[in-house]
Amino acid sequence: MRGINVDSLIGHVFKLWMRTKKQILDEFDLTGSQYEVLSAICHLGNYKKEIIQIDLSEETGIDPMTISTILRNLEKNNIITRVRGTVNTRVIYIELTEKGNILYKMASAKMLSCCNNIYRNIDEENLTSQLLVLSNELNKLNN
């Protein structure tokens, strides 16, 4: 495939993916960062009883102050609850409300359906392999 500028193609694909993701999440009145945090809450909730803000920061790679702002907005919209610990009052435990759980499941289903549609003609194993190589090379440059 000569003549294709890989950098431009990666940038173009990323831009289209972000636009598609935004359109889907707009239907649920969520931002990309909010969706990432909700995904992290669900993921962590599968193997951890109590989730705290620093867990979400580590899971998403979003700094703790931004996590705090995202959580405040999610709480204001009744998507999550935050409860101070009784033993250690500096700790704030986070969980999805019923509304948040339903909203996340609907948004996730729509995202999965979109991904399945996008990837239907793609060799996912090969694409994943190539993206991992690219990710490893970029990690080397950033360390």
C-alpha atoms as a PDB file:
ATOM      1  CA  MET A   1       0.000   0.000   0.000  1.00  0.00           C
ATOM      2  CA  ARG A   2       2.417   2.617  -1.183  1.00  0.00           C
ATOM      3  CA  GLY A   3       1.479   6.256  -1.140  1.00  0.00           C
ATOM      4  CA  ILE A   4      -0.490   6.139   2.103  1.00  0.00           C
ATOM      5  CA  ASN A   5       0.919   8.348   4.828  1.00  0.00           C
ATOM      6  CA  VAL A   6       0.533   6.216   7.972  1.00  0.00           C
ATOM      7  CA  ASP A   7       0.612   9.230  10.307  1.00  0.00           C
ATOM      8  CA  SER A   8      -2.209  10.946   8.410  1.00  0.00           C
ATOM      9  CA  LEU A   9      -4.217   7.738   8.255  1.00  0.00           C
ATOM     10  CA  ILE A  10      -3.876   7.115  12.000  1.00  0.00           C
ATOM     11  CA  GLY A  11      -4.887  10.716  12.700  1.00  0.00           C
ATOM     12  CA  HIS A  12      -7.856  10.477  10.341  1.00  0.00           C
ATOM     13  CA  VAL A  13      -9.061   7.148  11.798  1.00  0.00           C
ATOM     14  CA  PHE A  14      -8.670   8.504  15.341  1.00  0.00           C
ATOM     15  CA  LYS A  15     -10.643  11.648  14.486  1.00  0.00           C
ATOM     16  CA  LEU A  16     -13.445   9.609  12.898  1.00  0.00           C
ATOM     17  CA  TRP A  17     -13.519   7.201  15.848  1.00  0.00           C
ATOM     18  CA  MET A  18     -13.729  10.056  18.369  1.00  0.00           C
ATOM     19  CA  ARG A  19     -16.526  11.713  16.352  1.00  0.00           C
ATOM     20  CA  THR A  20     -18.459   8.409  16.197  1.00  0.00           C
ATOM     21  CA  LYS A  21     -17.953   7.799  19.915  1.00  0.00           C
ATOM     22  CA  LYS A  22     -19.110  11.346  20.719  1.00  0.00           C
ATOM     23  CA  GLN A  23     -22.267  10.934  18.631  1.00  0.00           C
ATOM     24  CA  ILE A  24     -23.142   7.740  20.488  1.00  0.00           C
ATOM     25  CA  LEU A  25     -22.391   9.156  23.933  1.00  0.00           C
ATOM     26  CA  ASP A  26     -24.305  12.374  23.163  1.00  0.00           C
ATOM     27  CA  GLU A  27     -27.446  10.221  22.923  1.00  0.00           C
ATOM     28  CA  PHE A  28     -26.903   9.342  26.587  1.00  0.00           C
ATOM     29  CA  ASP A  29     -25.780  12.836  27.622  1.00  0.00           C
ATOM     30  CA  LEU A  30     -22.312  11.499  28.522  1.00  0.00           C
ATOM     31  CA  THR A  31     -18.831  12.733  27.683  1.00  0.00           C
ATOM     32  CA  GLY A  32     -16.030  10.394  26.685  1.00  0.00           C
ATOM     33  CA  SER A  33     -14.348  10.879  30.056  1.00  0.00           C
ATOM     34  CA  GLN A  34     -17.567  10.200  31.940  1.00  0.00           C
ATOM     35  CA  TYR A  35     -18.037   6.995  29.963  1.00  0.00           C
ATOM     36  CA  GLU A  36     -14.451   5.943  30.757  1.00  0.00           C
ATOM     37  CA  VAL A  37     -15.072   6.525  34.473  1.00  0.00           C
ATOM     38  CA  LEU A  38     -18.365   4.599  34.380  1.00  0.00           C
ATOM     39  CA  SER A  39     -16.578   1.751  32.582  1.00  0.00           C
ATOM     40  CA  ALA A  40     -13.886   1.770  35.257  1.00  0.00           C
ATOM     41  CA  ILE A  41     -16.497   1.712  38.041  1.00  0.00           C
ATOM     42  CA  CYS A  42     -18.167  -1.311  36.439  1.00  0.00           C
ATOM     43  CA  HIS A  43     -14.870  -3.049  35.749  1.00  0.00           C
ATOM     44  CA  LEU A  44     -13.499  -2.465  39.248  1.00  0.00           C
ATOM     45  CA  GLY A  45     -16.852  -3.379  40.776  1.00  0.00           C
ATOM     46  CA  ASN A  46     -16.524  -6.856  39.302  1.00  0.00           C
ATOM     47  CA  TYR A  47     -13.621  -7.729  41.593  1.00  0.00           C
ATOM     48  CA  LYS A  48     -13.456  -5.020  44.240  1.00  0.00           C
ATOM     49  CA  LYS A  49     -16.126  -4.320  46.826  1.00  0.00           C
ATOM     50  CA  GLU A  50     -15.198  -0.721  47.540  1.00  0.00           C
ATOM     51  CA  ILE A  51     -14.089   1.695  44.830  1.00  0.00           C
ATOM     52  CA  ILE A  52     -12.350   4.965  45.708  1.00  0.00           C
ATOM     53  CA  GLN A  53     -11.351   7.896  43.524  1.00  0.00           C
ATOM     54  CA  ILE A  54      -7.674   6.948  43.292  1.00  0.00           C
ATOM     55  CA  ASP A  55      -8.706   3.523  41.929  1.00  0.00           C
ATOM     56  CA  LEU A  56     -10.546   5.280  39.114  1.00  0.00           C
ATOM     57  CA  SER A  57      -7.597   7.546  38.422  1.00  0.00           C
ATOM     58  CA  GLU A  58      -5.255   4.569  38.161  1.00  0.00           C
ATOM     59  CA  GLU A  59      -7.682   2.542  36.038  1.00  0.00           C
ATOM     60  CA  THR A  60      -8.399   5.344  33.532  1.00  0.00           C
ATOM     61  CA  GLY A  61      -5.134   7.294  33.532  1.00  0.00           C
ATOM     62  CA  ILE A  62      -7.122  10.460  34.310  1.00  0.00           C
ATOM     63  CA  ASP A  63      -5.609  12.659  37.017  1.00  0.00           C
ATOM     64  CA  PRO A  64      -7.352  12.619  40.432  1.00  0.00           C
ATOM     65  CA  MET A  65      -8.549  16.246  40.284  1.00  0.00           C
ATOM     66  CA  THR A  66     -10.248  15.648  36.933  1.00  0.00           C
ATOM     67  CA  ILE A  67     -11.753  12.413  38.288  1.00  0.00           C
ATOM     68  CA  SER A  68     -13.193  14.447  41.156  1.00  0.00           C
ATOM     69  CA  THR A  69     -14.852  16.894  38.725  1.00  0.00           C
ATOM     70  CA  ILE A  70     -16.225  14.060  36.584  1.00  0.00           C
ATOM     71  CA  LEU A  71     -17.619  12.314  39.667  1.00  0.00           C
ATOM     72  CA  ARG A  72     -19.208  15.525  40.923  1.00  0.00           C
ATOM     73  CA  ASN A  73     -21.041  15.920  37.587  1.00  0.00           C
ATOM     74  CA  LEU A  74     -22.097  12.256  37.512  1.00  0.00           C
ATOM     75  CA  GLU A  75     -23.380  12.548  41.068  1.00  0.00           C
ATOM     76  CA  LYS A  76     -25.279  15.740  40.230  1.00  0.00           C
ATOM     77  CA  ASN A  77     -27.031  13.797  37.447  1.00  0.00           C
ATOM     78  CA  ASN A  78     -27.885  10.908  39.828  1.00  0.00           C
ATOM     79  CA  ILE A  79     -25.662   8.457  37.912  1.00  0.00           C
ATOM     80  CA  ILE A  80     -23.365   7.625  40.837  1.00  0.00           C
ATOM     81  CA  THR A  81     -23.336   8.003  44.597  1.00  0.00           C
ATOM     82  CA  ARG A  82     -20.346   8.913  46.729  1.00  0.00           C
ATOM     83  CA  VAL A  83     -20.286   7.999  50.391  1.00  0.00           C
ATOM     84  CA  ARG A  84     -17.623   8.950  52.925  1.00  0.00           C
ATOM     85  CA  GLY A  85     -16.038   6.076  54.786  1.00  0.00           C
ATOM     86  CA  THR A  86     -17.059   5.692  58.396  1.00  0.00           C
ATOM     87  CA  VAL A  87     -13.654   4.452  59.585  1.00  0.00           C
ATOM     88  CA  ASN A  88     -11.502   6.683  57.391  1.00  0.00           C
ATOM     89  CA  THR A  89     -13.546   9.783  56.564  1.00  0.00           C
ATOM     90  CA  ARG A  90     -11.017  10.878  53.909  1.00  0.00           C
ATOM     91  CA  VAL A  91     -12.042   7.910  51.766  1.00  0.00           C
ATOM     92  CA  ILE A  92     -15.020   8.318  49.437  1.00  0.00           C
ATOM     93  CA  TYR A  93     -16.659   5.155  48.080  1.00  0.00           C
ATOM     94  CA  ILE A  94     -18.285   5.287  44.655  1.00  0.00           C
ATOM     95  CA  GLU A  95     -21.024   3.193  43.105  1.00  0.00           C
ATOM     96  CA  LEU A  96     -23.535   3.414  40.283  1.00  0.00           C
ATOM     97  CA  THR A  97     -27.126   4.308  41.045  1.00  0.00           C
ATOM     98  CA  GLU A  98     -29.900   2.266  39.427  1.00  0.00           C
ATOM     99  CA  LYS A  99     -30.242   5.036  36.832  1.00  0.00           C
ATOM    100  CA  GLY A 100     -26.465   4.984  36.277  1.00  0.00           C
ATOM    101  CA  ASN A 101     -26.405   1.224  35.876  1.00  0.00           C
ATOM    102  CA  ILE A 102     -29.182   1.305  33.265  1.00  0.00           C
ATOM    103  CA  LEU A 103     -27.588   4.247  31.448  1.00  0.00           C
ATOM    104  CA  TYR A 104     -24.176   2.564  31.357  1.00  0.00           C
ATOM    105  CA  LYS A 105     -25.621  -0.732  30.092  1.00  0.00           C
ATOM    106  CA  MET A 106     -27.496   1.055  27.310  1.00  0.00           C
ATOM    107  CA  ALA A 107     -24.481   3.158  26.286  1.00  0.00           C
ATOM    108  CA  SER A 108     -22.182   0.111  26.401  1.00  0.00           C
ATOM    109  CA  ALA A 109     -24.564  -1.933  24.275  1.00  0.00           C
ATOM    110  CA  LYS A 110     -24.708   0.850  21.683  1.00  0.00           C
ATOM    111  CA  MET A 111     -20.898   1.198  21.701  1.00  0.00           C
ATOM    112  CA  LEU A 112     -20.459  -2.577  21.327  1.00  0.00           C
ATOM    113  CA  SER A 113     -22.946  -2.699  18.465  1.00  0.00           C
ATOM    114  CA  CYS A 114     -21.103   0.138  16.733  1.00  0.00           C
ATOM    115  CA  CYS A 115     -17.735  -1.593  17.203  1.00  0.00           C
ATOM    116  CA  ASN A 116     -19.088  -4.891  15.908  1.00  0.00           C
ATOM    117  CA  ASN A 117     -20.410  -3.075  12.849  1.00  0.00           C
ATOM    118  CA  ILE A 118     -17.111  -1.253  12.266  1.00  0.00           C
ATOM    119  CA  TYR A 119     -14.954  -4.357  12.735  1.00  0.00           C
ATOM    120  CA  ARG A 120     -17.123  -6.763  10.728  1.00  0.00           C
ATOM    121  CA  ASN A 121     -14.805  -6.595   7.668  1.00  0.00           C
ATOM    122  CA  ILE A 122     -11.539  -6.308   9.598  1.00  0.00           C
ATOM    123  CA  ASP A 123      -9.116  -8.997  10.709  1.00  0.00           C
ATOM    124  CA  GLU A 124      -9.247  -7.970  14.388  1.00  0.00           C
ATOM    125  CA  GLU A 125      -6.438 -10.299  15.427  1.00  0.00           C
ATOM    126  CA  ASN A 126      -4.061  -8.796  12.869  1.00  0.00           C
ATOM    127  CA  LEU A 127      -5.156  -5.227  13.642  1.00  0.00           C
ATOM    128  CA  THR A 128      -4.712  -5.832  17.380  1.00  0.00           C
ATOM    129  CA  SER A 129      -1.276  -7.292  16.791  1.00  0.00           C
ATOM    130  CA  GLN A 130      -0.170  -4.311  14.716  1.00  0.00           C
ATOM    131  CA  LEU A 131      -1.595  -1.800  17.178  1.00  0.00           C
ATOM    132  CA  LEU A 132       0.258  -3.519  20.033  1.00  0.00           C
ATOM    133  CA  VAL A 133       3.516  -3.205  18.083  1.00  0.00           C
ATOM    134  CA  LEU A 134       2.798   0.479  17.493  1.00  0.00           C
ATOM    135  CA  SER A 135       1.877   1.004  21.149  1.00  0.00           C
ATOM    136  CA  ASN A 136       5.090  -0.688  22.322  1.00  0.00           C
ATOM    137  CA  GLU A 137       7.203   1.477  20.005  1.00  0.00           C
ATOM    138  CA  LEU A 138       5.480   4.640  21.222  1.00  0.00           C
ATOM    139  CA  ASN A 139       5.941   3.552  24.845  1.00  0.00           C
ATOM    140  CA  LYS A 140       9.677   3.150  24.231  1.00  0.00           C
ATOM    141  CA  LEU A 141       9.851   6.733  22.952  1.00  0.00           C
ATOM    142  CA  ASN A 142       7.956   8.070  25.974  1.00  0.00           C
ATOM    143  CA  ASN A 143      10.016   6.352  28.676  1.00  0.00           C
END
